């Protein structure tokens, strides 16, 4: 192969410094090529990556030498015959570089080839692209967060969603060291504030029971926010009323209220039985044939037989149930029986 760099652009090429590849056709006594064979255009493009123009044909000025075909006819672009002999003819040089075969372009190419053959310098450290995110701190890590203790209360995770068709069982615990709520004065104070806040903006307290250190409620709410606002109002009312009754200041309830959302009739029936029998569960059972007087059991109409201390349902101090589960749905699993 004989690679010659052009000093000027070939006609129609549009760029300078193209490299043309030829094969010596014959060699004379002085070992100088007297003829050249032009490689086919496809092979020339493969051999010379920078050569992308099909118009670089004989007639271009290559290092001050003009090539013309030996035979008759013109060499057209895309000719099928790749074996055409060309005869070099000297042309008028427009610059000293074109007049001499050792031009600047050829020397620069040789220096470039030498530099390319030299070993490359070691690359610097590679940097990795960091992942973009909003917060680059926080999140769960082993041992992070507030230390957990055995006295940890209700979790601060997001509460469950609530709809108007569901019933919520709420429990509020009293702080240690305070007087019991089953006493007459404390129980009346708690019930007074429960009645005052039993119905408000879609929030309803349907049933309740007051124990010595906690309160159980069966509530209804249009949504989770409605239930949360209603419970905050009730807890504030009860806490302020008890502090005023005791003549003290400070927190009354131990932690956030605990809630459990129920969506089936069987769950609601079990919750009613647990609510009205909670006094007996804590060691204060009512007398035979009676129900707990510190709860809403005397106004409840779902007993198999009326208790001795029953009160008219029309005088129910709390809100009326509106959900199907708390009105009639729970009765599918049977009415409640009195404690033996």
Protein backbone atom coordinates (compact mmCIF):
# COMPACT_ATOMS: atom_id res chain seq x y z
CA UNK A 1 0.00 0.00 0.00
CA UNK A 2 1.09 3.58 -0.73
CA UNK A 3 -0.72 6.23 1.31
CA UNK A 4 -0.42 9.82 0.07
CA UNK A 5 -1.89 12.76 1.92
CA UNK A 6 -3.41 15.49 -0.22
CA UNK A 7 -2.19 19.04 0.20
CA UNK A 8 -5.49 20.42 -1.05
CA UNK A 9 -9.02 19.17 -1.01
CA UNK A 10 -10.17 16.89 -3.75
CA UNK A 11 -12.83 18.26 -6.10
CA UNK A 12 -16.18 17.82 -4.39
CA UNK A 13 -14.68 16.36 -1.25
CA UNK A 14 -15.37 19.37 0.93
CA UNK A 15 -12.54 18.66 3.38
CA UNK A 16 -8.74 18.68 3.33
CA UNK A 17 -6.14 16.19 4.47
CA UNK A 18 -7.80 13.14 2.89
CA UNK A 19 -5.67 10.04 2.48
CA UNK A 20 -5.76 8.11 -0.79
CA UNK A 21 -4.64 4.49 -0.98
CA UNK A 22 -2.95 3.10 -4.06
CA UNK A 23 -1.05 -0.06 -4.87
CA UNK A 24 2.16 0.17 -6.94
CA UNK A 25 1.50 -1.26 -10.39
CA UNK A 26 5.07 -1.62 -11.63
CA UNK A 27 8.50 -0.72 -10.29
CA UNK A 28 11.41 0.49 -12.44
CA UNK A 29 15.17 0.04 -12.10
CA UNK A 30 15.38 2.81 -9.52
CA UNK A 31 12.62 1.10 -7.56
CA UNK A 32 10.25 3.97 -8.20
CA UNK A 33 6.65 3.23 -9.02
CA UNK A 34 5.77 3.98 -12.60
CA UNK A 35 2.09 3.04 -12.34
CA UNK A 36 -0.52 2.77 -9.61
CA UNK A 37 -3.62 0.72 -9.19
CA UNK A 38 -6.54 2.53 -7.54
CA UNK A 39 -8.24 0.35 -4.95
CA UNK A 40 -12.01 0.09 -5.25
CA UNK A 41 -13.97 2.80 -3.52
CA UNK A 42 -15.39 0.39 -0.91
CA UNK A 43 -11.94 -0.96 -0.01
CA UNK A 44 -10.51 2.53 0.07
CA UNK A 45 -13.14 3.67 2.53
CA UNK A 46 -12.45 0.62 4.72
CA UNK A 47 -8.70 1.28 4.62
CA UNK A 48 -8.99 5.02 5.14
CA UNK A 49 -11.62 5.80 7.81
CA UNK A 50 -11.34 9.53 7.23
CA UNK A 51 -12.15 9.14 3.55
CA UNK A 52 -15.95 9.39 3.17
CA UNK A 53 -16.39 11.09 -0.20
CA UNK A 54 -16.97 9.16 -3.42
CA UNK A 55 -15.82 12.14 -5.54
CA UNK A 56 -12.11 11.76 -4.57
CA UNK A 57 -11.19 10.40 -7.99
CA UNK A 58 -8.12 10.72 -10.27
CA UNK A 59 -7.54 14.36 -11.02
CA UNK A 60 -7.08 15.40 -7.39
CA UNK A 61 -3.85 17.07 -6.36
CA UNK A 62 -1.98 14.64 -4.12
CA UNK A 63 1.33 15.99 -2.71
CA UNK A 64 1.90 17.97 -5.89
CA UNK A 65 1.21 14.97 -8.20
CA UNK A 66 -1.74 14.72 -10.55
CA UNK A 67 -3.02 11.24 -11.42
CA UNK A 68 -4.76 10.50 -14.70
CA UNK A 69 -6.03 7.17 -16.08
CA UNK A 70 -3.81 5.42 -18.61
CA UNK A 71 -6.67 4.07 -20.69
CA UNK A 72 -9.32 5.95 -22.55
CA UNK A 73 -12.48 7.10 -20.88
CA UNK A 74 -13.19 8.77 -17.59
CA UNK A 75 -13.25 7.11 -14.17
CA UNK A 76 -16.75 7.54 -12.84
CA UNK A 77 -17.87 7.32 -9.30
CA UNK A 78 -18.77 3.77 -8.38
CA UNK A 79 -17.00 2.13 -11.31
CA UNK A 80 -17.10 -1.67 -11.09
CA UNK A 81 -13.53 -2.22 -12.31
CA UNK A 82 -11.12 -1.77 -9.35
CA UNK A 83 -7.96 -2.41 -11.47
CA UNK A 84 -7.28 0.84 -13.31
CA UNK A 85 -3.70 1.91 -13.90
CA UNK A 86 -2.91 5.56 -13.27
CA UNK A 87 0.07 7.54 -14.51
CA UNK A 88 1.56 10.20 -12.22
CA UNK A 89 2.23 13.55 -13.92
CA UNK A 90 3.97 16.45 -12.20
CA UNK A 91 1.86 19.56 -11.85
CA UNK A 92 2.56 23.16 -11.02
CA UNK A 93 3.22 23.60 -7.33
CA UNK A 94 1.23 26.31 -5.59
CA UNK A 95 3.44 26.11 -2.45
CA UNK A 96 6.87 24.71 -1.51
CA UNK A 97 5.18 21.93 0.40
CA UNK A 98 3.45 20.69 -2.75
CA UNK A 99 6.65 20.85 -4.83
CA UNK A 100 8.57 18.47 -2.62
CA UNK A 101 7.41 14.98 -1.80
CA UNK A 102 8.48 15.43 1.84
CA UNK A 103 5.83 17.97 2.79
CA UNK A 104 4.87 19.27 6.15
CA UNK A 105 1.72 17.24 6.11
CA UNK A 106 3.62 13.98 5.62
CA UNK A 107 6.13 14.86 8.37
CA UNK A 108 3.33 15.83 10.71
CA UNK A 109 1.59 12.54 9.98
CA UNK A 110 4.79 10.61 10.74
CA UNK A 111 5.21 12.46 14.02
CA UNK A 112 1.58 11.71 14.85
CA UNK A 113 2.11 8.04 14.11
CA UNK A 114 5.15 8.02 16.37
CA UNK A 115 3.26 9.66 19.18
CA UNK A 116 0.41 7.20 18.83
CA UNK A 117 2.78 4.26 19.03
CA UNK A 118 4.24 5.56 22.30
CA UNK A 119 2.66 4.18 25.48
CA UNK A 120 -0.18 6.26 26.89
CA UNK A 121 0.14 8.00 30.21
CA UNK A 122 -1.79 6.40 33.07
CA UNK A 123 -5.26 7.80 33.54
CA UNK A 124 -6.30 9.66 36.64
CA UNK A 125 -8.83 8.43 39.19
CA UNK A 126 -12.26 7.70 37.83
CA UNK A 127 -15.12 9.49 39.51
CA UNK A 128 -18.50 7.86 39.95
CA UNK A 129 -21.75 9.69 39.36
CA UNK A 130 -23.72 10.02 42.58
CA UNK A 131 -27.43 9.23 42.64
CA UNK A 132 -29.55 12.36 42.87
CA UNK A 133 -32.19 12.34 45.60
CA UNK A 134 -34.03 14.90 47.69
CA UNK A 135 -32.56 14.10 51.09
CA UNK A 136 -29.03 12.83 51.54
CA UNK A 137 -29.51 12.25 55.25
CA UNK A 138 -31.88 10.43 57.54
CA UNK A 139 -33.62 7.16 56.93
CA UNK A 140 -33.46 3.90 58.81
CA UNK A 141 -30.06 2.79 60.06
CA UNK A 142 -29.13 0.13 62.62
CA UNK A 143 -29.35 1.66 66.08
CA UNK A 144 -30.75 5.00 64.90
CA UNK A 145 -33.68 6.87 66.37
CA UNK A 146 -34.92 7.25 69.90
CA UNK A 147 -33.82 4.38 72.16
CA UNK A 148 -36.66 1.95 72.72
CA UNK A 149 -37.63 1.08 76.25
CA UNK A 150 -39.94 -1.45 77.81
CA UNK A 151 -42.42 1.31 78.69
CA UNK A 152 -42.84 2.41 75.06
CA UNK A 153 -46.44 3.30 74.35
CA UNK A 154 -48.52 3.58 71.19
CA UNK A 155 -46.54 3.61 67.96
CA UNK A 156 -46.26 6.89 66.04
CA UNK A 157 -46.80 5.27 62.66
CA UNK A 158 -49.54 6.50 60.35
CA UNK A 159 -52.95 5.48 61.62
CA UNK A 160 -55.23 3.24 59.59
CA UNK A 161 -57.75 4.75 57.21
CA UNK A 162 -61.33 5.11 58.47
CA UNK A 163 -64.60 5.28 56.55
CA UNK A 164 -68.15 6.01 57.68
CA UNK A 165 -69.04 2.32 57.37
CA UNK A 166 -66.49 1.19 59.96
CA UNK A 167 -66.34 1.21 63.75
CA UNK A 168 -63.24 2.19 65.76
CA UNK A 169 -62.34 0.86 69.19
CA UNK A 170 -60.39 3.57 71.06
CA UNK A 171 -58.49 3.18 74.35
CA UNK A 172 -57.04 6.04 76.44
CA UNK A 173 -54.74 5.24 79.37
CA UNK A 174 -54.25 7.36 82.48
CA UNK A 175 -50.83 8.30 83.81
CA UNK A 176 -49.44 6.45 86.80
CA UNK A 177 -49.86 7.99 90.26
CA UNK A 178 -53.28 9.58 89.64
CA UNK A 179 -56.53 8.76 91.36
CA UNK A 180 -58.79 6.11 89.88
CA UNK A 181 -61.60 7.11 87.55
CA UNK A 182 -64.11 4.67 89.07
CA UNK A 183 -64.72 6.97 92.00
CA UNK A 184 -68.00 8.85 91.93
CA UNK A 185 -66.55 12.33 91.50
CA UNK A 186 -64.03 11.36 88.83
CA UNK A 187 -66.50 9.17 86.96
CA UNK A 188 -69.11 11.92 86.81
CA UNK A 189 -66.49 14.40 85.59
CA UNK A 190 -65.33 12.04 82.83
CA UNK A 191 -68.87 11.24 81.71
CA UNK A 192 -69.82 14.90 81.63
CA UNK A 193 -67.05 15.69 79.16
CA UNK A 194 -67.64 12.52 77.13
CA UNK A 195 -71.26 13.53 76.62
CA UNK A 196 -70.26 17.09 75.69
CA UNK A 197 -67.83 15.91 73.01
CA UNK A 198 -69.68 12.79 71.83
CA UNK A 199 -70.91 14.29 68.55
CA UNK A 200 -68.96 16.80 66.52
CA UNK A 201 -68.41 17.32 62.74
CA UNK A 202 -68.90 13.69 61.70
CA UNK A 203 -67.33 12.22 64.84
CA UNK A 204 -69.51 10.20 67.23
CA UNK A 205 -69.00 8.32 70.50
CA UNK A 206 -71.63 5.60 70.63
CA UNK A 207 -70.58 3.50 73.64
CA UNK A 208 -68.10 3.99 76.48
CA UNK A 209 -66.87 2.44 79.70
CA UNK A 210 -64.78 4.06 82.43
CA UNK A 211 -62.25 1.96 84.35
CA UNK A 212 -59.83 2.91 87.09
CA UNK A 213 -56.88 3.84 84.82
CA UNK A 214 -58.27 3.78 81.27
CA UNK A 215 -61.33 4.50 79.15
CA UNK A 216 -62.76 2.39 76.30
CA UNK A 217 -64.80 4.01 73.51
CA UNK A 218 -66.64 2.75 70.42
CA UNK A 219 -66.58 5.57 67.86
CA UNK A 220 -67.65 6.34 64.33
CA UNK A 221 -66.02 8.82 61.98
CA UNK A 222 -66.37 10.00 58.42
CA UNK A 223 -62.60 9.78 57.88
CA UNK A 224 -59.31 9.36 59.67
CA UNK A 225 -58.88 13.10 60.14
CA UNK A 226 -62.40 13.44 61.50
CA UNK A 227 -61.75 10.73 64.07
CA UNK A 228 -58.41 12.25 65.04
CA UNK A 229 -59.84 15.76 65.55
CA UNK A 230 -62.77 14.43 67.54
CA UNK A 231 -60.53 12.35 69.82
CA UNK A 232 -58.18 15.29 70.38
CA UNK A 233 -61.11 17.41 71.47
CA UNK A 234 -62.44 14.72 73.82
CA UNK A 235 -59.04 14.05 75.38
CA UNK A 236 -58.49 17.78 75.96
CA UNK A 237 -61.91 18.17 77.57
CA UNK A 238 -61.44 15.21 79.92
CA UNK A 239 -57.88 16.18 80.88
CA UNK A 240 -58.76 19.78 81.70
CA UNK A 241 -61.86 18.70 83.63
CA UNK A 242 -59.93 16.20 85.74
CA UNK A 243 -57.11 18.67 86.44
CA UNK A 244 -59.67 21.23 87.53
CA UNK A 245 -61.38 18.64 89.72
CA UNK A 246 -58.08 17.54 91.28
CA UNK A 247 -56.62 21.02 91.49
CA UNK A 248 -53.46 20.13 89.61
CA UNK A 249 -51.68 20.87 86.34
CA UNK A 250 -49.88 18.69 83.84
CA UNK A 251 -50.52 15.68 81.66
CA UNK A 252 -53.36 13.32 82.47
CA UNK A 253 -53.15 10.63 79.81
CA UNK A 254 -50.07 8.48 79.48
CA UNK A 255 -49.73 8.38 75.71
CA UNK A 256 -51.58 8.74 72.45
CA UNK A 257 -54.89 6.98 72.16
CA UNK A 258 -54.85 3.45 70.76
CA UNK A 259 -57.32 2.67 67.98
CA UNK A 260 -58.43 -0.43 66.12
CA UNK A 261 -60.58 -0.18 63.00
CA UNK A 262 -63.24 -2.89 62.66
CA UNK A 263 -65.06 -3.72 59.45
CA UNK A 264 -66.96 -6.96 60.11
CA UNK A 265 -70.07 -7.71 62.25
CA UNK A 266 -68.23 -10.36 64.24
CA UNK A 267 -65.49 -7.92 65.26
CA UNK A 268 -68.05 -5.37 66.38
CA UNK A 269 -69.96 -7.92 68.47
CA UNK A 270 -66.75 -9.00 70.22
CA UNK A 271 -65.88 -5.37 70.89
CA UNK A 272 -69.30 -4.75 72.47
CA UNK A 273 -68.98 -7.81 74.69
CA UNK A 274 -65.46 -6.76 75.73
CA UNK A 275 -66.56 -3.18 76.42
CA UNK A 276 -69.51 -4.07 78.65
CA UNK A 277 -67.68 -6.89 80.43
CA UNK A 278 -64.46 -4.96 81.02
CA UNK A 279 -65.27 -4.26 84.69
CA UNK A 280 -65.56 -7.98 85.41
CA UNK A 281 -62.35 -8.54 83.47
CA UNK A 282 -60.54 -6.18 85.87
CA UNK A 283 -62.01 -7.74 89.01
CA UNK A 284 -65.12 -5.62 89.54
CA UNK A 285 -68.04 -7.67 88.29
CA UNK A 286 -71.54 -6.23 88.69
CA UNK A 287 -74.22 -7.92 90.76
CA UNK A 288 -76.15 -10.76 89.27
CA UNK A 289 -78.72 -9.64 86.74
CA UNK A 290 -77.17 -6.22 86.46
CA UNK A 291 -74.68 -4.51 84.16
CA UNK A 292 -71.80 -2.12 84.81
CA UNK A 293 -73.18 1.26 85.83
CA UNK A 294 -69.94 3.07 84.86
CA UNK A 295 -70.56 2.27 81.18
CA UNK A 296 -73.26 2.75 78.57
CA UNK A 297 -74.51 -0.82 79.11
CA UNK A 298 -77.73 0.26 80.92
CA UNK A 299 -78.90 2.09 77.71
CA UNK A 300 -77.93 -0.82 75.44
CA UNK A 301 -80.83 -2.77 73.84
CA UNK A 302 -78.93 -5.79 72.56
CA UNK A 303 -79.27 -8.02 75.63
CA UNK A 304 -81.00 -11.37 75.57
CA UNK A 305 -82.87 -10.24 78.70
CA UNK A 306 -83.22 -6.78 80.12
CA UNK A 307 -80.86 -6.07 83.10
CA UNK A 308 -82.20 -4.96 86.43
CA UNK A 309 -80.60 -1.51 86.15
CA UNK A 310 -81.66 -0.93 82.53
CA UNK A 311 -82.55 2.59 81.44
CA UNK A 312 -84.72 3.75 78.57
CA UNK A 313 -82.87 3.72 75.27
CA UNK A 314 -84.35 7.07 74.34
CA UNK A 315 -82.38 8.70 77.15
CA UNK A 316 -79.01 7.49 75.78
CA UNK A 317 -76.57 10.28 76.70
CA UNK A 318 -74.09 9.56 73.88
CA UNK A 319 -74.54 9.77 70.10
CA UNK A 320 -76.75 7.39 68.16
CA UNK A 321 -75.07 4.85 65.89
CA UNK A 322 -75.36 5.46 62.15
CA UNK A 323 -73.23 2.68 60.70
CA UNK A 324 -74.83 -0.62 59.75
CA UNK A 325 -72.30 -2.60 61.77
CA UNK A 326 -73.06 -0.86 65.05
CA UNK A 327 -76.83 -0.60 64.53
CA UNK A 328 -77.91 -4.07 63.37
CA UNK A 329 -74.99 -5.78 61.64
CA UNK A 330 -73.46 -7.22 64.80
CA UNK A 331 -76.76 -8.99 65.67
CA UNK A 332 -76.10 -11.60 62.97
CA UNK A 333 -73.86 -13.36 65.48
CA UNK A 334 -76.45 -13.26 68.27
CA UNK A 335 -77.40 -10.95 71.12
CA UNK A 336 -75.30 -10.43 74.20
CA UNK A 337 -75.91 -12.33 77.41
CA UNK A 338 -75.62 -10.99 80.93
CA UNK A 339 -72.74 -12.03 83.11
CA UNK A 340 -73.68 -15.02 85.30
